[in-house]
Amino acid sequence: MLGHFLMPSLLVRDALDQTNAKLKPKCSQLDECIYDSRLKLADSHKQRKQYDVSLLDDLTKY
């Protein structure tokens, strides 16, 4: 009788393990993409700040 309860849970566990194995590479790719996007955003903020400072310098010259 206990075997009837164990078998479905083992099948579910196996299915979950297979799903996790398929999703893990996609999640790491997504993490890399998010990290790259954050780096690009930080770089664009830095460039904008430099532009704002140079624009302010130009305005204070006159």
C-alpha atoms as a PDB file:
ATOM      1  CA  MET A   1       0.000   0.000   0.000  1.00  0.00           C
ATOM      2  CA  LEU A   2       2.872   2.376   0.765  1.00  0.00           C
ATOM      3  CA  GLY A   3       4.262   1.763  -2.726  1.00  0.00           C
ATOM      4  CA  HIS A   4       1.193   3.409  -4.262  1.00  0.00           C
ATOM      5  CA  PHE A   5       2.078   6.655  -2.511  1.00  0.00           C
ATOM      6  CA  LEU A   6       5.824   6.505  -3.105  1.00  0.00           C
ATOM      7  CA  MET A   7       5.727   5.852  -6.834  1.00  0.00           C
ATOM      8  CA  PRO A   8       3.894   9.058  -7.864  1.00  0.00           C
ATOM      9  CA  SER A   9       6.127  11.182  -5.628  1.00  0.00           C
ATOM     10  CA  LEU A  10       9.236   9.635  -7.195  1.00  0.00           C
ATOM     11  CA  LEU A  11       7.857  10.341 -10.661  1.00  0.00           C
ATOM     12  CA  VAL A  12       7.129  13.934  -9.698  1.00  0.00           C
ATOM     13  CA  ARG A  13      10.599  14.334  -8.206  1.00  0.00           C
ATOM     14  CA  ASP A  14      12.189  12.931 -11.363  1.00  0.00           C
ATOM     15  CA  ALA A  15      10.117  15.270 -13.549  1.00  0.00           C
ATOM     16  CA  LEU A  16      11.125  18.242 -11.390  1.00  0.00           C
ATOM     17  CA  ASP A  17      14.791  17.265 -11.591  1.00  0.00           C
ATOM     18  CA  GLN A  18      14.570  17.062 -15.387  1.00  0.00           C
ATOM     19  CA  THR A  19      12.829  20.439 -15.567  1.00  0.00           C
ATOM     20  CA  ASN A  20      15.433  22.042 -13.300  1.00  0.00           C
ATOM     21  CA  ALA A  21      18.229  20.603 -15.429  1.00  0.00           C
ATOM     22  CA  LYS A  22      16.667  22.185 -18.533  1.00  0.00           C
ATOM     23  CA  LEU A  23      16.046  25.556 -16.885  1.00  0.00           C
ATOM     24  CA  LYS A  24      19.387  25.989 -15.131  1.00  0.00           C
ATOM     25  CA  PRO A  25      21.375  26.972 -18.275  1.00  0.00           C
ATOM     26  CA  LYS A  26      18.628  29.395 -19.312  1.00  0.00           C
ATOM     27  CA  CYS A  27      18.652  31.008 -15.878  1.00  0.00           C
ATOM     28  CA  SER A  28      22.416  31.489 -15.970  1.00  0.00           C
ATOM     29  CA  GLN A  29      22.126  33.060 -19.434  1.00  0.00           C
ATOM     30  CA  LEU A  30      19.442  35.374 -18.079  1.00  0.00           C
ATOM     31  CA  ASP A  31      21.657  36.293 -15.117  1.00  0.00           C
ATOM     32  CA  GLU A  32      24.491  37.146 -17.533  1.00  0.00           C
ATOM     33  CA  CYS A  33      22.130  39.232 -19.638  1.00  0.00           C
ATOM     34  CA  ILE A  34      20.886  41.144 -16.581  1.00  0.00           C
ATOM     35  CA  TYR A  35      24.470  41.720 -15.412  1.00  0.00           C
ATOM     36  CA  ASP A  36      25.515  42.976 -18.864  1.00  0.00           C
ATOM     37  CA  SER A  37      22.498  45.287 -18.985  1.00  0.00           C
ATOM     38  CA  ARG A  38      23.378  46.723 -15.589  1.00  0.00           C
ATOM     39  CA  LEU A  39      26.962  47.337 -16.702  1.00  0.00           C
ATOM     40  CA  LYS A  40      25.760  49.100 -19.849  1.00  0.00           C
ATOM     41  CA  LEU A  41      23.312  51.188 -17.824  1.00  0.00           C
ATOM     42  CA  ALA A  42      26.017  52.179 -15.342  1.00  0.00           C
ATOM     43  CA  ASP A  43      28.331  53.085 -18.223  1.00  0.00           C
ATOM     44  CA  SER A  44      25.660  55.221 -19.889  1.00  0.00           C
ATOM     45  CA  HIS A  45      25.010  57.023 -16.581  1.00  0.00           C
ATOM     46  CA  LYS A  46      28.731  57.666 -16.253  1.00  0.00           C
ATOM     47  CA  GLN A  47      28.928  59.030 -19.807  1.00  0.00           C
ATOM     48  CA  ARG A  48      25.894  61.230 -19.229  1.00  0.00           C
ATOM     49  CA  LYS A  49      27.391  62.602 -16.034  1.00  0.00           C
ATOM     50  CA  GLN A  50      30.636  63.404 -17.895  1.00  0.00           C
ATOM     51  CA  TYR A  51      28.622  65.115 -20.641  1.00  0.00           C
ATOM     52  CA  ASP A  52      26.677  67.145 -18.061  1.00  0.00           C
ATOM     53  CA  VAL A  53      29.920  68.246 -16.395  1.00  0.00           C
ATOM     54  CA  SER A  54      31.513  69.221 -19.715  1.00  0.00           C
ATOM     55  CA  LEU A  55      28.362  71.107 -20.702  1.00  0.00           C
ATOM     56  CA  LEU A  56      28.392  72.932 -17.377  1.00  0.00           C
ATOM     57  CA  ASP A  57      32.078  73.781 -17.886  1.00  0.00           C
ATOM     58  CA  ASP A  58      31.264  75.198 -21.319  1.00  0.00           C
ATOM     59  CA  LEU A  59      28.462  77.312 -19.892  1.00  0.00           C
ATOM     60  CA  THR A  60      30.589  78.711 -17.083  1.00  0.00           C
ATOM     61  CA  LYS A  61      33.324  79.798 -19.517  1.00  0.00           C
ATOM     62  CA  TYR A  62      31.110  82.483 -21.002  1.00  0.00           C
END
